[in-house]
Amino acid sequence: MQSRTVPLDLIIGPERAGQVVGALVRDLITSDLLPEPVAYRLVCEGVLAGDPWLLAEAGQLWTLRPDTGAGDEPELLFIVSRDTTQLTVEDADGRRSQIPLCTLAAYQLDQWYWAR
């Protein structure tokens, strides 16, 4: 089963989505010394794929992808804070925990309460 894709502009609006993409592109140009067209392509591909390494921030709600076996994973995760590779999240029952950022690969961005 293919997971639904929610474009970033539907979640936070086209103007904010443009600001987020622009900021991510500038970060890649500065930190990785990539040419602008390459940075732009990488960011756009990552945003369209819902890459948590690019997108994960405090104030977001991520839902378990439908094609992921639920197992012991919570269906919803609200990001309270982000360190470089660690997240503090809250599940639907209000329990907080720390998880590795890579855990969000099984989730998709669903809502964003505080955009950059």
PDB file of N, CA and C in Angstrom:
ATOM      1  N   MET A   1       0.840  -1.174   0.000  1.00  0.00           N
ATOM      2  CA  MET A   1       0.000   0.000   0.000  1.00  0.00           C
ATOM      3  C   MET A   1       0.887   1.240   0.000  1.00  0.00           C
ATOM      4  N   GLN A   2       0.569   2.178  -0.867  1.00  0.00           N
ATOM      5  CA  GLN A   2       1.357   3.392  -0.965  1.00  0.00           C
ATOM      6  C   GLN A   2       0.860   4.404   0.058  1.00  0.00           C
ATOM      7  N   SER A   3       1.799   5.050   0.745  1.00  0.00           N
ATOM      8  CA  SER A   3       1.402   6.039   1.747  1.00  0.00           C
ATOM      9  C   SER A   3       0.974   7.329   1.060  1.00  0.00           C
ATOM     10  N   ARG A   4       0.092   8.059   1.734  1.00  0.00           N
ATOM     11  CA  ARG A   4      -0.365   9.318   1.140  1.00  0.00           C
ATOM     12  C   ARG A   4       0.739  10.352   1.268  1.00  0.00           C
ATOM     13  N   THR A   5       0.832  11.189   0.288  1.00  0.00           N
ATOM     14  CA  THR A   5       1.814  12.261   0.315  1.00  0.00           C
ATOM     15  C   THR A   5       1.077  13.563   0.545  1.00  0.00           C
ATOM     16  N   VAL A   6       1.458  14.270   1.575  1.00  0.00           N
ATOM     17  CA  VAL A   6       0.862  15.569   1.859  1.00  0.00           C
ATOM     18  C   VAL A   6       1.895  16.628   1.528  1.00  0.00           C
ATOM     19  N   PRO A   7       1.666  17.376   0.451  1.00  0.00           N
ATOM     20  CA  PRO A   7       2.645  18.414   0.104  1.00  0.00           C
ATOM     21  C   PRO A   7       2.783  19.438   1.229  1.00  0.00           C
ATOM     22  N   LEU A   8       3.992  19.902   1.387  1.00  0.00           N
ATOM     23  CA  LEU A   8       4.294  20.849   2.454  1.00  0.00           C
ATOM     24  C   LEU A   8       3.437  22.111   2.358  1.00  0.00           C
ATOM     25  N   ASP A   9       3.144  22.548   1.140  1.00  0.00           N
ATOM     26  CA  ASP A   9       2.360  23.776   1.000  1.00  0.00           C
ATOM     27  C   ASP A   9       0.925  23.610   1.486  1.00  0.00           C
ATOM     28  N   LEU A  10       0.411  22.392   1.515  1.00  0.00           N
ATOM     29  CA  LEU A  10      -0.922  22.161   2.071  1.00  0.00           C
ATOM     30  C   LEU A  10      -0.902  22.172   3.596  1.00  0.00           C
ATOM     31  N   ILE A  11       0.227  21.847   4.175  1.00  0.00           N
ATOM     32  CA  ILE A  11       0.333  21.797   5.629  1.00  0.00           C
ATOM     33  C   ILE A  11       0.571  23.182   6.218  1.00  0.00           C
ATOM     34  N   ILE A  12       1.495  23.942   5.626  1.00  0.00           N
ATOM     35  CA  ILE A  12       1.847  25.243   6.213  1.00  0.00           C
ATOM     36  C   ILE A  12       1.592  26.416   5.273  1.00  0.00           C
ATOM     37  N   GLY A  13       1.083  26.149   4.090  1.00  0.00           N
ATOM     38  CA  GLY A  13       0.809  27.212   3.132  1.00  0.00           C
ATOM     39  C   GLY A  13       1.970  27.413   2.184  1.00  0.00           C
ATOM     40  N   PRO A  14       1.671  27.864   0.969  1.00  0.00           N
ATOM     41  CA  PRO A  14       2.723  27.983  -0.046  1.00  0.00           C
ATOM     42  C   PRO A  14       3.810  28.999   0.298  1.00  0.00           C
ATOM     43  N   GLU A  15       3.434  30.100   0.944  1.00  0.00           N
ATOM     44  CA  GLU A  15       4.442  31.113   1.280  1.00  0.00           C
ATOM     45  C   GLU A  15       5.441  30.573   2.305  1.00  0.00           C
ATOM     46  N   ARG A  16       4.921  29.950   3.364  1.00  0.00           N
ATOM     47  CA  ARG A  16       5.820  29.363   4.389  1.00  0.00           C
ATOM     48  C   ARG A  16       6.618  28.204   3.811  1.00  0.00           C
ATOM     49  N   ALA A  17       5.978  27.394   2.967  1.00  0.00           N
ATOM     50  CA  ALA A  17       6.697  26.279   2.349  1.00  0.00           C
ATOM     51  C   ALA A  17       7.881  26.806   1.543  1.00  0.00           C
ATOM     52  N   GLY A  18       7.673  27.893   0.810  1.00  0.00           N
ATOM     53  CA  GLY A  18       8.771  28.508   0.063  1.00  0.00           C
ATOM     54  C   GLY A  18       9.875  28.999   0.974  1.00  0.00           C
ATOM     55  N   GLN A  19       9.492  29.560   2.120  1.00  0.00           N
ATOM     56  CA  GLN A  19      10.491  30.031   3.088  1.00  0.00           C
ATOM     57  C   GLN A  19      11.283  28.860   3.665  1.00  0.00           C
ATOM     58  N   VAL A  20      10.586  27.773   3.986  1.00  0.00           N
ATOM     59  CA  VAL A  20      11.251  26.593   4.541  1.00  0.00           C
ATOM     60  C   VAL A  20      12.224  26.012   3.527  1.00  0.00           C
ATOM     61  N   VAL A  21      11.770  25.836   2.290  1.00  0.00           N
ATOM     62  CA  VAL A  21      12.638  25.290   1.238  1.00  0.00           C
ATOM     63  C   VAL A  21      13.837  26.211   1.026  1.00  0.00           C
ATOM     64  N   GLY A  22      13.596  27.512   0.958  1.00  0.00           N
ATOM     65  CA  GLY A  22      14.697  28.463   0.770  1.00  0.00           C
ATOM     66  C   GLY A  22      15.724  28.383   1.884  1.00  0.00           C
ATOM     67  N   ALA A  23      15.255  28.284   3.131  1.00  0.00           N
ATOM     68  CA  ALA A  23      16.168  28.181   4.267  1.00  0.00           C
ATOM     69  C   ALA A  23      16.976  26.888   4.213  1.00  0.00           C
ATOM     70  N   LEU A  24      16.327  25.794   3.851  1.00  0.00           N
ATOM     71  CA  LEU A  24      17.036  24.514   3.747  1.00  0.00           C
ATOM     72  C   LEU A  24      18.077  24.555   2.632  1.00  0.00           C
ATOM     73  N   VAL A  25      17.738  25.177   1.514  1.00  0.00           N
ATOM     74  CA  VAL A  25      18.688  25.308   0.403  1.00  0.00           C
ATOM     75  C   VAL A  25      19.894  26.140   0.849  1.00  0.00           C
ATOM     76  N   ARG A  26      19.632  27.273   1.518  1.00  0.00           N
ATOM     77  CA  ARG A  26      20.749  28.108   1.993  1.00  0.00           C
ATOM     78  C   ARG A  26      21.640  27.351   2.977  1.00  0.00           C
ATOM     79  N   ASP A  27      21.018  26.546   3.843  1.00  0.00           N
ATOM     80  CA  ASP A  27      21.802  25.748   4.796  1.00  0.00           C
ATOM     81  C   ASP A  27      22.727  24.778   4.070  1.00  0.00           C
ATOM     82  N   LEU A  28      22.212  24.102   3.042  1.00  0.00           N
ATOM     83  CA  LEU A  28      23.045  23.154   2.291  1.00  0.00           C
ATOM     84  C   LEU A  28      24.159  23.863   1.535  1.00  0.00           C
ATOM     85  N   ILE A  29      23.853  25.007   0.967  1.00  0.00           N
ATOM     86  CA  ILE A  29      24.877  25.763   0.237  1.00  0.00           C
ATOM     87  C   ILE A  29      25.991  26.164   1.191  1.00  0.00           C
ATOM     88  N   THR A  30      25.606  26.645   2.374  1.00  0.00           N
ATOM     89  CA  THR A  30      26.585  27.124   3.349  1.00  0.00           C
ATOM     90  C   THR A  30      27.350  25.987   4.014  1.00  0.00           C
ATOM     91  N   SER A  31      26.615  24.986   4.514  1.00  0.00           N
ATOM     92  CA  SER A  31      27.276  23.943   5.304  1.00  0.00           C
ATOM     93  C   SER A  31      27.962  22.880   4.457  1.00  0.00           C
ATOM     94  N   ASP A  32      27.405  22.564   3.289  1.00  0.00           N
ATOM     95  CA  ASP A  32      27.985  21.501   2.465  1.00  0.00           C
ATOM     96  C   ASP A  32      28.679  22.024   1.212  1.00  0.00           C
ATOM     97  N   LEU A  33      28.669  23.353   1.050  1.00  0.00           N
ATOM     98  CA  LEU A  33      29.324  24.000  -0.093  1.00  0.00           C
ATOM     99  C   LEU A  33      28.830  23.454  -1.439  1.00  0.00           C
ATOM    100  N   LEU A  34      27.524  23.219  -1.504  1.00  0.00           N
ATOM    101  CA  LEU A  34      26.932  22.715  -2.739  1.00  0.00           C
ATOM    102  C   LEU A  34      26.515  23.878  -3.629  1.00  0.00           C
ATOM    103  N   PRO A  35      26.583  23.670  -4.935  1.00  0.00           N
ATOM    104  CA  PRO A  35      26.057  24.705  -5.833  1.00  0.00           C
ATOM    105  C   PRO A  35      24.539  24.811  -5.624  1.00  0.00           C
ATOM    106  N   GLU A  36      24.001  26.012  -5.845  1.00  0.00           N
ATOM    107  CA  GLU A  36      22.582  26.241  -5.587  1.00  0.00           C
ATOM    108  C   GLU A  36      21.650  25.264  -6.313  1.00  0.00           C
ATOM    109  N   PRO A  37      21.867  24.968  -7.610  1.00  0.00           N
ATOM    110  CA  PRO A  37      20.942  24.038  -8.280  1.00  0.00           C
ATOM    111  C   PRO A  37      20.950  22.641  -7.646  1.00  0.00           C
ATOM    112  N   VAL A  38      22.110  22.195  -7.204  1.00  0.00           N
ATOM    113  CA  VAL A  38      22.211  20.874  -6.569  1.00  0.00           C
ATOM    114  C   VAL A  38      21.506  20.892  -5.212  1.00  0.00           C
ATOM    115  N   ALA A  39      21.755  21.924  -4.423  1.00  0.00           N
ATOM    116  CA  ALA A  39      21.110  22.043  -3.110  1.00  0.00           C
ATOM    117  C   ALA A  39      19.600  22.123  -3.272  1.00  0.00           C
ATOM    118  N   TYR A  40      19.131  22.888  -4.231  1.00  0.00           N
ATOM    119  CA  TYR A  40      17.699  23.033  -4.466  1.00  0.00           C
ATOM    120  C   TYR A  40      17.065  21.698  -4.846  1.00  0.00           C
ATOM    121  N   ARG A  41      17.734  20.960  -5.728  1.00  0.00           N
ATOM    122  CA  ARG A  41      17.208  19.656  -6.147  1.00  0.00           C
ATOM    123  C   ARG A  41      17.150  18.690  -4.973  1.00  0.00           C
ATOM    124  N   LEU A  42      18.214  18.644  -4.166  1.00  0.00           N
ATOM    125  CA  LEU A  42      18.245  17.737  -3.018  1.00  0.00           C
ATOM    126  C   LEU A  42      17.163  18.082  -1.998  1.00  0.00           C
ATOM    127  N   VAL A  43      16.980  19.357  -1.743  1.00  0.00           N
ATOM    128  CA  VAL A  43      15.958  19.780  -0.783  1.00  0.00           C
ATOM    129  C   VAL A  43      14.570  19.447  -1.312  1.00  0.00           C
ATOM    130  N   CYS A  44      14.309  19.764  -2.569  1.00  0.00           N
ATOM    131  CA  CYS A  44      12.987  19.476  -3.137  1.00  0.00           C
ATOM    132  C   CYS A  44      12.686  17.978  -3.119  1.00  0.00           C
ATOM    133  N   GLU A  45      13.654  17.163  -3.473  1.00  0.00           N
ATOM    134  CA  GLU A  45      13.454  15.714  -3.432  1.00  0.00           C
ATOM    135  C   GLU A  45      13.196  15.244  -2.000  1.00  0.00           C
ATOM    136  N   GLY A  46      13.959  15.779  -1.046  1.00  0.00           N
ATOM    137  CA  GLY A  46      13.789  15.395   0.354  1.00  0.00           C
ATOM    138  C   GLY A  46      12.453  15.830   0.922  1.00  0.00           C
ATOM    139  N   VAL A  47      12.025  17.048   0.593  1.00  0.00           N
ATOM    140  CA  VAL A  47      10.742  17.548   1.077  1.00  0.00           C
ATOM    141  C   VAL A  47       9.604  16.717   0.490  1.00  0.00           C
ATOM    142  N   LEU A  48       9.665  16.429  -0.798  1.00  0.00           N
ATOM    143  CA  LEU A  48       8.620  15.620  -1.432  1.00  0.00           C
ATOM    144  C   LEU A  48       8.568  14.207  -0.858  1.00  0.00           C
ATOM    145  N   ALA A  49       9.717  13.689  -0.453  1.00  0.00           N
ATOM    146  CA  ALA A  49       9.776  12.342   0.130  1.00  0.00           C
ATOM    147  C   ALA A  49       9.429  12.350   1.618  1.00  0.00           C
ATOM    148  N   GLY A  50       9.274  13.541   2.205  1.00  0.00           N
ATOM    149  CA  GLY A  50       8.972  13.629   3.643  1.00  0.00           C
ATOM    150  C   GLY A  50      10.154  13.259   4.519  1.00  0.00           C
ATOM    151  N   ASP A  51      11.356  13.568   4.064  1.00  0.00           N
ATOM    152  CA  ASP A  51      12.580  13.210   4.773  1.00  0.00           C
ATOM    153  C   ASP A  51      12.641  13.886   6.143  1.00  0.00           C
ATOM    154  N   PRO A  52      12.596  13.101   7.218  1.00  0.00           N
ATOM    155  CA  PRO A  52      12.640  13.693   8.557  1.00  0.00           C
ATOM    156  C   PRO A  52      13.949  14.417   8.857  1.00  0.00           C
ATOM    157  N   TRP A  53      15.053  14.026   8.215  1.00  0.00           N
ATOM    158  CA  TRP A  53      16.322  14.714   8.460  1.00  0.00           C
ATOM    159  C   TRP A  53      16.224  16.175   8.046  1.00  0.00           C
ATOM    160  N   LEU A  54      15.428  16.457   7.022  1.00  0.00           N
ATOM    161  CA  LEU A  54      15.235  17.831   6.580  1.00  0.00           C
ATOM    162  C   LEU A  54      14.094  18.519   7.321  1.00  0.00           C
ATOM    163  N   LEU A  55      13.017  17.800   7.570  1.00  0.00           N
ATOM    164  CA  LEU A  55      11.782  18.426   8.005  1.00  0.00           C
ATOM    165  C   LEU A  55      11.520  18.433   9.506  1.00  0.00           C
ATOM    166  N   ALA A  56      12.012  17.458  10.236  1.00  0.00           N
ATOM    167  CA  ALA A  56      11.622  17.303  11.641  1.00  0.00           C
ATOM    168  C   ALA A  56      11.982  18.522  12.477  1.00  0.00           C
ATOM    169  N   GLU A  57      10.970  19.058  13.159  1.00  0.00           N
ATOM    170  CA  GLU A  57      11.130  20.217  14.032  1.00  0.00           C
ATOM    171  C   GLU A  57      10.108  20.165  15.142  1.00  0.00           C
ATOM    172  N   ALA A  58      10.375  20.887  16.191  1.00  0.00           N
ATOM    173  CA  ALA A  58       9.419  20.999  17.286  1.00  0.00           C
ATOM    174  C   ALA A  58       8.112  21.582  16.759  1.00  0.00           C
ATOM    175  N   GLY A  59       7.008  21.073  17.295  1.00  0.00           N
ATOM    176  CA  GLY A  59       5.697  21.574  16.910  1.00  0.00           C
ATOM    177  C   GLY A  59       5.043  20.807  15.784  1.00  0.00           C
ATOM    178  N   GLN A  60       5.652  19.714  15.373  1.00  0.00           N
ATOM    179  CA  GLN A  60       5.080  18.921  14.288  1.00  0.00           C
ATOM    180  C   GLN A  60       4.412  17.668  14.831  1.00  0.00           C
ATOM    181  N   LEU A  61       3.372  17.229  14.112  1.00  0.00           N
ATOM    182  CA  LEU A  61       2.707  15.966  14.404  1.00  0.00           C
ATOM    183  C   LEU A  61       2.995  15.023  13.248  1.00  0.00           C
ATOM    184  N   TRP A  62       3.571  13.872  13.567  1.00  0.00           N
ATOM    185  CA  TRP A  62       3.885  12.853  12.564  1.00  0.00           C
ATOM    186  C   TRP A  62       2.995  11.648  12.843  1.00  0.00           C
ATOM    187  N   THR A  63       2.453  11.055  11.770  1.00  0.00           N
ATOM    188  CA  THR A  63       1.600   9.874  11.912  1.00  0.00           C
ATOM    189  C   THR A  63       2.280   8.682  11.263  1.00  0.00           C
ATOM    190  N   LEU A  64       2.033   7.530  11.857  1.00  0.00           N
ATOM    191  CA  LEU A  64       2.618   6.288  11.342  1.00  0.00           C
ATOM    192  C   LEU A  64       2.130   6.056   9.918  1.00  0.00           C
ATOM    193  N   ARG A  65       3.042   5.747   9.027  1.00  0.00           N
ATOM    194  CA  ARG A  65       2.660   5.499   7.629  1.00  0.00           C
ATOM    195  C   ARG A  65       1.767   4.264   7.559  1.00  0.00           C
ATOM    196  N   PRO A  66       0.751   4.302   6.697  1.00  0.00           N
ATOM    197  CA  PRO A  66      -0.173   3.169   6.600  1.00  0.00           C
ATOM    198  C   PRO A  66       0.506   1.879   6.151  1.00  0.00           C
ATOM    199  N   ASP A  67       1.598   1.988   5.391  1.00  0.00           N
ATOM    200  CA  ASP A  67       2.279   0.795   4.897  1.00  0.00           C
ATOM    201  C   ASP A  67       3.286   0.233   5.896  1.00  0.00           C
ATOM    202  N   THR A  68       3.337   0.823   7.087  1.00  0.00           N
ATOM    203  CA  THR A  68       4.256   0.373   8.125  1.00  0.00           C
ATOM    204  C   THR A  68       3.504  -0.519   9.095  1.00  0.00           C
ATOM    205  N   GLY A  69       4.064  -1.652   9.416  1.00  0.00           N
ATOM    206  CA  GLY A  69       3.441  -2.507  10.423  1.00  0.00           C
ATOM    207  C   GLY A  69       3.437  -1.796  11.759  1.00  0.00           C
ATOM    208  N   ALA A  70       2.260  -1.640  12.346  1.00  0.00           N
ATOM    209  CA  ALA A  70       2.125  -0.858  13.578  1.00  0.00           C
ATOM    210  C   ALA A  70       3.015  -1.385  14.692  1.00  0.00           C
ATOM    211  N   GLY A  71       3.004  -2.675  14.933  1.00  0.00           N
ATOM    212  CA  GLY A  71       3.844  -3.233  15.985  1.00  0.00           C
ATOM    213  C   GLY A  71       3.655  -2.515  17.295  1.00  0.00           C
ATOM    214  N   ASP A  72       4.767  -2.121  17.928  1.00  0.00           N
ATOM    215  CA  ASP A  72       4.725  -1.400  19.194  1.00  0.00           C
ATOM    216  C   ASP A  72       4.832   0.112  19.004  1.00  0.00           C
ATOM    217  N   GLU A  73       4.895   0.548  17.761  1.00  0.00           N
ATOM    218  CA  GLU A  73       5.069   1.972  17.492  1.00  0.00           C
ATOM    219  C   GLU A  73       3.785   2.745  17.760  1.00  0.00           C
ATOM    220  N   PRO A  74       3.893   3.919  18.396  1.00  0.00           N
ATOM    221  CA  PRO A  74       2.701   4.757  18.564  1.00  0.00           C
ATOM    222  C   PRO A  74       2.234   5.284  17.206  1.00  0.00           C
ATOM    223  N   GLU A  75       0.930   5.471  17.057  1.00  0.00           N
ATOM    224  CA  GLU A  75       0.381   5.942  15.782  1.00  0.00           C
ATOM    225  C   GLU A  75       0.680   7.406  15.530  1.00  0.00           C
ATOM    226  N   LEU A  76       0.801   8.199  16.596  1.00  0.00           N
ATOM    227  CA  LEU A  76       1.062   9.632  16.482  1.00  0.00           C
ATOM    228  C   LEU A  76       2.265  10.011  17.327  1.00  0.00           C
ATOM    229  N   LEU A  77       3.077  10.904  16.810  1.00  0.00           N
ATOM    230  CA  LEU A  77       4.193  11.455  17.573  1.00  0.00           C
ATOM    231  C   LEU A  77       4.204  12.961  17.391  1.00  0.00           C
ATOM    232  N   PHE A  78       4.169  13.680  18.498  1.00  0.00           N
ATOM    233  CA  PHE A  78       4.294  15.132  18.480  1.00  0.00           C
ATOM    234  C   PHE A  78       5.720  15.468  18.892  1.00  0.00           C
ATOM    235  N   ILE A  79       6.421  16.224  18.065  1.00  0.00           N
ATOM    236  CA  ILE A  79       7.809  16.566  18.367  1.00  0.00           C
ATOM    237  C   ILE A  79       7.836  17.745  19.333  1.00  0.00           C
ATOM    238  N   VAL A  80       8.396  17.497  20.501  1.00  0.00           N
ATOM    239  CA  VAL A  80       8.536  18.534  21.528  1.00  0.00           C
ATOM    240  C   VAL A  80       9.820  19.319  21.291  1.00  0.00           C
ATOM    241  N   SER A  81      10.919  18.611  21.001  1.00  0.00           N
ATOM    242  CA  SER A  81      12.187  19.280  20.710  1.00  0.00           C
ATOM    243  C   SER A  81      13.066  18.360  19.870  1.00  0.00           C
ATOM    244  N   ARG A  82      14.053  18.981  19.223  1.00  0.00           N
ATOM    245  CA  ARG A  82      14.977  18.217  18.379  1.00  0.00           C
ATOM    246  C   ARG A  82      16.399  18.607  18.704  1.00  0.00           C
ATOM    247  N   ASP A  83      17.208  17.586  18.917  1.00  0.00           N
ATOM    248  CA  ASP A  83      18.650  17.733  18.969  1.00  0.00           C
ATOM    249  C   ASP A  83      19.106  17.324  17.566  1.00  0.00           C
ATOM    250  N   THR A  84      20.366  17.282  17.289  1.00  0.00           N
ATOM    251  CA  THR A  84      20.821  16.933  15.953  1.00  0.00           C
ATOM    252  C   THR A  84      20.265  15.592  15.481  1.00  0.00           C
ATOM    253  N   THR A  85      20.402  14.560  16.300  1.00  0.00           N
ATOM    254  CA  THR A  85      19.943  13.229  15.884  1.00  0.00           C
ATOM    255  C   THR A  85      18.927  12.613  16.841  1.00  0.00           C
ATOM    256  N   GLN A  86      18.486  13.357  17.834  1.00  0.00           N
ATOM    257  CA  GLN A  86      17.529  12.863  18.827  1.00  0.00           C
ATOM    258  C   GLN A  86      16.299  13.762  18.870  1.00  0.00           C
ATOM    259  N   LEU A  87      15.166  13.140  19.125  1.00  0.00           N
ATOM    260  CA  LEU A  87      13.919  13.882  19.273  1.00  0.00           C
ATOM    261  C   LEU A  87      13.320  13.602  20.642  1.00  0.00           C
ATOM    262  N   THR A  88      12.719  14.603  21.228  1.00  0.00           N
ATOM    263  CA  THR A  88      11.855  14.391  22.374  1.00  0.00           C
ATOM    264  C   THR A  88      10.442  14.466  21.809  1.00  0.00           C
ATOM    265  N   VAL A  89       9.695  13.376  21.986  1.00  0.00           N
ATOM    266  CA  VAL A  89       8.358  13.285  21.404  1.00  0.00           C
ATOM    267  C   VAL A  89       7.332  12.966  22.473  1.00  0.00           C
ATOM    268  N   GLU A  90       6.101  13.243  22.144  1.00  0.00           N
ATOM    269  CA  GLU A  90       4.971  12.919  23.013  1.00  0.00           C
ATOM    270  C   GLU A  90       3.994  12.101  22.187  1.00  0.00           C
ATOM    271  N   ASP A  91       3.525  10.984  22.728  1.00  0.00           N
ATOM    272  CA  ASP A  91       2.562  10.168  21.990  1.00  0.00           C
ATOM    273  C   ASP A  91       1.136  10.632  22.297  1.00  0.00           C
ATOM    274  N   ALA A  92       0.154   9.963  21.731  1.00  0.00           N
ATOM    275  CA  ALA A  92      -1.253  10.355  21.891  1.00  0.00           C
ATOM    276  C   ALA A  92      -1.724  10.273  23.340  1.00  0.00           C
ATOM    277  N   ASP A  93      -1.042   9.483  24.162  1.00  0.00           N
ATOM    278  CA  ASP A  93      -1.399   9.347  25.578  1.00  0.00           C
ATOM    279  C   ASP A  93      -0.654  10.351  26.463  1.00  0.00           C
ATOM    280  N   GLY A  94       0.152  11.211  25.839  1.00  0.00           N
ATOM    281  CA  GLY A  94       0.870  12.227  26.591  1.00  0.00           C
ATOM    282  C   GLY A  94       2.183  11.763  27.189  1.00  0.00           C
ATOM    283  N   ARG A  95       2.624  10.562  26.834  1.00  0.00           N
ATOM    284  CA  ARG A  95       3.904  10.058  27.343  1.00  0.00           C
ATOM    285  C   ARG A  95       5.048  10.635  26.520  1.00  0.00           C
ATOM    286  N   ARG A  96       6.043  11.157  27.205  1.00  0.00           N
ATOM    287  CA  ARG A  96       7.223  11.708  26.534  1.00  0.00           C
ATOM    288  C   ARG A  96       8.345  10.693  26.536  1.00  0.00           C
ATOM    289  N   SER A  97       9.102  10.721  25.457  1.00  0.00           N
ATOM    290  CA  SER A  97      10.269   9.854  25.363  1.00  0.00           C
ATOM    291  C   SER A  97      11.257  10.470  24.385  1.00  0.00           C
ATOM    292  N   GLN A  98      12.468   9.942  24.422  1.00  0.00           N
ATOM    293  CA  GLN A  98      13.484  10.347  23.453  1.00  0.00           C
ATOM    294  C   GLN A  98      13.653   9.218  22.465  1.00  0.00           C
ATOM    295  N   ILE A  99      13.705   9.589  21.190  1.00  0.00           N
ATOM    296  CA  ILE A  99      13.874   8.602  20.127  1.00  0.00           C
ATOM    297  C   ILE A  99      14.919   9.118  19.145  1.00  0.00           C
ATOM    298  N   PRO A 100      15.571   8.208  18.430  1.00  0.00           N
ATOM    299  CA  PRO A 100      16.478   8.654  17.373  1.00  0.00           C
ATOM    300  C   PRO A 100      15.675   9.271  16.228  1.00  0.00           C
ATOM    301  N   LEU A 101      16.222  10.268  15.598  1.00  0.00           N
ATOM    302  CA  LEU A 101      15.564  10.924  14.475  1.00  0.00           C
ATOM    303  C   LEU A 101      15.189   9.933  13.374  1.00  0.00           C
ATOM    304  N   CYS A 102      16.010   8.932  13.154  1.00  0.00           N
ATOM    305  CA  CYS A 102      15.751   7.960  12.086  1.00  0.00           C
ATOM    306  C   CYS A 102      14.449   7.186  12.300  1.00  0.00           C
ATOM    307  N   THR A 103      13.918   7.168  13.517  1.00  0.00           N
ATOM    308  CA  THR A 103      12.646   6.493  13.791  1.00  0.00           C
ATOM    309  C   THR A 103      11.514   7.114  12.972  1.00  0.00           C
ATOM    310  N   LEU A 104      11.621   8.405  12.688  1.00  0.00           N
ATOM    311  CA  LEU A 104      10.572   9.082  11.927  1.00  0.00           C
ATOM    312  C   LEU A 104      10.465   8.603  10.487  1.00  0.00           C
ATOM    313  N   ALA A 105      11.391   7.783  10.026  1.00  0.00           N
ATOM    314  CA  ALA A 105      11.297   7.243   8.670  1.00  0.00           C
ATOM    315  C   ALA A 105      10.023   6.411   8.501  1.00  0.00           C
ATOM    316  N   ALA A 106       9.491   5.886   9.600  1.00  0.00           N
ATOM    317  CA  ALA A 106       8.257   5.095   9.547  1.00  0.00           C
ATOM    318  C   ALA A 106       7.012   5.981   9.638  1.00  0.00           C
ATOM    319  N   TYR A 107       7.208   7.289   9.724  1.00  0.00           N
ATOM    320  CA  TYR A 107       6.116   8.241   9.907  1.00  0.00           C
ATOM    321  C   TYR A 107       6.079   9.243   8.763  1.00  0.00           C
ATOM    322  N   GLN A 108       4.978   9.976   8.697  1.00  0.00           N
ATOM    323  CA  GLN A 108       4.866  11.056   7.721  1.00  0.00           C
ATOM    324  C   GLN A 108       4.397  12.319   8.429  1.00  0.00           C
ATOM    325  N   LEU A 109       4.906  13.445   7.971  1.00  0.00           N
ATOM    326  CA  LEU A 109       4.516  14.730   8.534  1.00  0.00           C
ATOM    327  C   LEU A 109       3.045  14.968   8.232  1.00  0.00           C
ATOM    328  N   ASP A 110       2.275  15.253   9.273  1.00  0.00           N
ATOM    329  CA  ASP A 110       0.840  15.424   9.110  1.00  0.00           C
ATOM    330  C   ASP A 110       0.383  16.841   9.438  1.00  0.00           C
ATOM    331  N   GLN A 111       0.969  17.440  10.479  1.00  0.00           N
ATOM    332  CA  GLN A 111       0.602  18.796  10.875  1.00  0.00           C
ATOM    333  C   GLN A 111       1.847  19.503  11.398  1.00  0.00           C
ATOM    334  N   TRP A 112       1.861  20.818  11.226  1.00  0.00           N
ATOM    335  CA  TRP A 112       2.993  21.606  11.680  1.00  0.00           C
ATOM    336  C   TRP A 112       2.423  22.833  12.381  1.00  0.00           C
ATOM    337  N   TYR A 113       2.580  22.881  13.679  1.00  0.00           N
ATOM    338  CA  TYR A 113       1.952  23.938  14.472  1.00  0.00           C
ATOM    339  C   TYR A 113       2.731  25.231  14.497  1.00  0.00           C
ATOM    340  N   TRP A 114       4.058  25.152  14.485  1.00  0.00           N
ATOM    341  CA  TRP A 114       4.895  26.348  14.505  1.00  0.00           C
ATOM    342  C   TRP A 114       5.916  26.230  13.392  1.00  0.00           C
ATOM    343  N   ALA A 115       5.658  26.899  12.327  1.00  0.00           N
ATOM    344  CA  ALA A 115       6.619  26.838  11.204  1.00  0.00           C
ATOM    345  C   ALA A 115       7.814  27.721  11.528  1.00  0.00           C
ATOM    346  N   ARG A 116       8.912  27.469  10.844  1.00  0.00           N
ATOM    347  CA  ARG A 116      10.155  28.229  11.040  1.00  0.00           C
ATOM    348  C   ARG A 116       9.893  29.708  10.979  1.00  0.00           C
TER     349      ARG A 116
END
